[in-house]
């Protein structure tokens, strides 16, 4: 009969703990993000599209002037 590999079992338990802890952390972070996006969701999107448009326009204007 083979000897039990306690180190392997411990490693598996540790990995399971880490995975559970990470999922819990992501769940908490996700709920915070959802609240933040829900409060300022309408304001955040136009700002992002405006920044992207300004970057594209600024790059084109800078190349034409040089």
C-alpha atoms as a PDB file:
ATOM      1  CA  UNK A   1       0.000   0.000   0.000  1.00  0.00           C
ATOM      2  CA  UNK A   2       1.300   3.462  -0.937  1.00  0.00           C
ATOM      3  CA  UNK A   3       2.102   6.121   1.628  1.00  0.00           C
ATOM      4  CA  UNK A   4      -0.234   9.131   1.765  1.00  0.00           C
ATOM      5  CA  UNK A   5       1.255  12.246   0.195  1.00  0.00           C
ATOM      6  CA  UNK A   6       0.444  14.790   2.879  1.00  0.00           C
ATOM      7  CA  UNK A   7       2.322  17.593   1.137  1.00  0.00           C
ATOM      8  CA  UNK A   8       0.137  17.201  -1.966  1.00  0.00           C
ATOM      9  CA  UNK A   9      -3.034  17.178   0.110  1.00  0.00           C
ATOM     10  CA  UNK A  10      -1.930  20.299   1.981  1.00  0.00           C
ATOM     11  CA  UNK A  11      -1.096  22.055  -1.281  1.00  0.00           C
ATOM     12  CA  UNK A  12      -4.544  21.205  -2.664  1.00  0.00           C
ATOM     13  CA  UNK A  13      -6.213  22.580   0.470  1.00  0.00           C
ATOM     14  CA  UNK A  14      -4.135  25.766   0.241  1.00  0.00           C
ATOM     15  CA  UNK A  15      -5.029  26.229  -3.429  1.00  0.00           C
ATOM     16  CA  UNK A  16      -8.708  25.752  -2.650  1.00  0.00           C
ATOM     17  CA  UNK A  17      -8.476  28.366   0.136  1.00  0.00           C
ATOM     18  CA  UNK A  18      -6.716  30.839  -2.173  1.00  0.00           C
ATOM     19  CA  UNK A  19      -9.285  30.299  -4.920  1.00  0.00           C
ATOM     20  CA  UNK A  20     -12.169  30.811  -2.520  1.00  0.00           C
ATOM     21  CA  UNK A  21     -10.543  33.921  -1.069  1.00  0.00           C
ATOM     22  CA  UNK A  22      -9.922  35.380  -4.552  1.00  0.00           C
ATOM     23  CA  UNK A  23     -13.516  34.699  -5.634  1.00  0.00           C
ATOM     24  CA  UNK A  24     -14.760  36.414  -2.485  1.00  0.00           C
ATOM     25  CA  UNK A  25     -12.469  39.399  -3.139  1.00  0.00           C
ATOM     26  CA  UNK A  26     -13.666  39.680  -6.744  1.00  0.00           C
ATOM     27  CA  UNK A  27     -17.271  39.428  -5.635  1.00  0.00           C
ATOM     28  CA  UNK A  28     -16.747  42.266  -3.158  1.00  0.00           C
ATOM     29  CA  UNK A  29     -14.894  44.365  -5.741  1.00  0.00           C
ATOM     30  CA  UNK A  30     -17.605  43.665  -8.297  1.00  0.00           C
ATOM     31  CA  UNK A  31     -20.339  44.821  -5.973  1.00  0.00           C
ATOM     32  CA  UNK A  32     -18.427  48.044  -5.256  1.00  0.00           C
ATOM     33  CA  UNK A  33     -17.874  48.643  -8.985  1.00  0.00           C
ATOM     34  CA  UNK A  34     -21.542  48.022  -9.716  1.00  0.00           C
ATOM     35  CA  UNK A  35     -22.545  50.596  -7.115  1.00  0.00           C
ATOM     36  CA  UNK A  36     -20.059  53.158  -8.462  1.00  0.00           C
ATOM     37  CA  UNK A  37     -21.119  52.572 -12.080  1.00  0.00           C
ATOM     38  CA  UNK A  38     -24.765  52.696 -11.073  1.00  0.00           C
ATOM     39  CA  UNK A  39     -24.303  56.075  -9.388  1.00  0.00           C
ATOM     40  CA  UNK A  40     -22.160  57.703 -12.090  1.00  0.00           C
ATOM     41  CA  UNK A  41     -22.740  55.342 -15.014  1.00  0.00           C
ATOM     42  CA  UNK A  42     -24.420  57.965 -17.208  1.00  0.00           C
ATOM     43  CA  UNK A  43     -21.651  60.469 -16.568  1.00  0.00           C
ATOM     44  CA  UNK A  44     -18.722  58.098 -17.055  1.00  0.00           C
ATOM     45  CA  UNK A  45     -19.546  56.934 -20.599  1.00  0.00           C
ATOM     46  CA  UNK A  46     -19.715  60.355 -22.302  1.00  0.00           C
ATOM     47  CA  UNK A  47     -16.449  61.334 -20.619  1.00  0.00           C
ATOM     48  CA  UNK A  48     -14.730  58.221 -21.990  1.00  0.00           C
ATOM     49  CA  UNK A  49     -15.994  58.762 -25.529  1.00  0.00           C
ATOM     50  CA  UNK A  50     -15.094  62.443 -25.293  1.00  0.00           C
ATOM     51  CA  UNK A  51     -11.547  61.614 -24.198  1.00  0.00           C
ATOM     52  CA  UNK A  52     -11.122  59.130 -27.022  1.00  0.00           C
ATOM     53  CA  UNK A  53     -12.409  61.648 -29.562  1.00  0.00           C
ATOM     54  CA  UNK A  54     -10.145  64.379 -28.175  1.00  0.00           C
ATOM     55  CA  UNK A  55      -7.121  62.091 -28.378  1.00  0.00           C
ATOM     56  CA  UNK A  56      -7.857  61.167 -31.985  1.00  0.00           C
ATOM     57  CA  UNK A  57      -8.499  64.771 -32.988  1.00  0.00           C
ATOM     58  CA  UNK A  58      -5.455  66.057 -31.134  1.00  0.00           C
ATOM     59  CA  UNK A  59      -3.153  63.535 -32.801  1.00  0.00           C
ATOM     60  CA  UNK A  60      -4.473  64.378 -36.286  1.00  0.00           C
ATOM     61  CA  UNK A  61      -4.201  68.123 -35.642  1.00  0.00           C
ATOM     62  CA  UNK A  62      -0.635  67.780 -34.387  1.00  0.00           C
ATOM     63  CA  UNK A  63       0.475  65.831 -37.445  1.00  0.00           C
ATOM     64  CA  UNK A  64      -1.064  68.316 -39.882  1.00  0.00           C
ATOM     65  CA  UNK A  65       0.611  71.309 -38.224  1.00  0.00           C
ATOM     66  CA  UNK A  66       4.104  69.813 -38.328  1.00  0.00           C
END
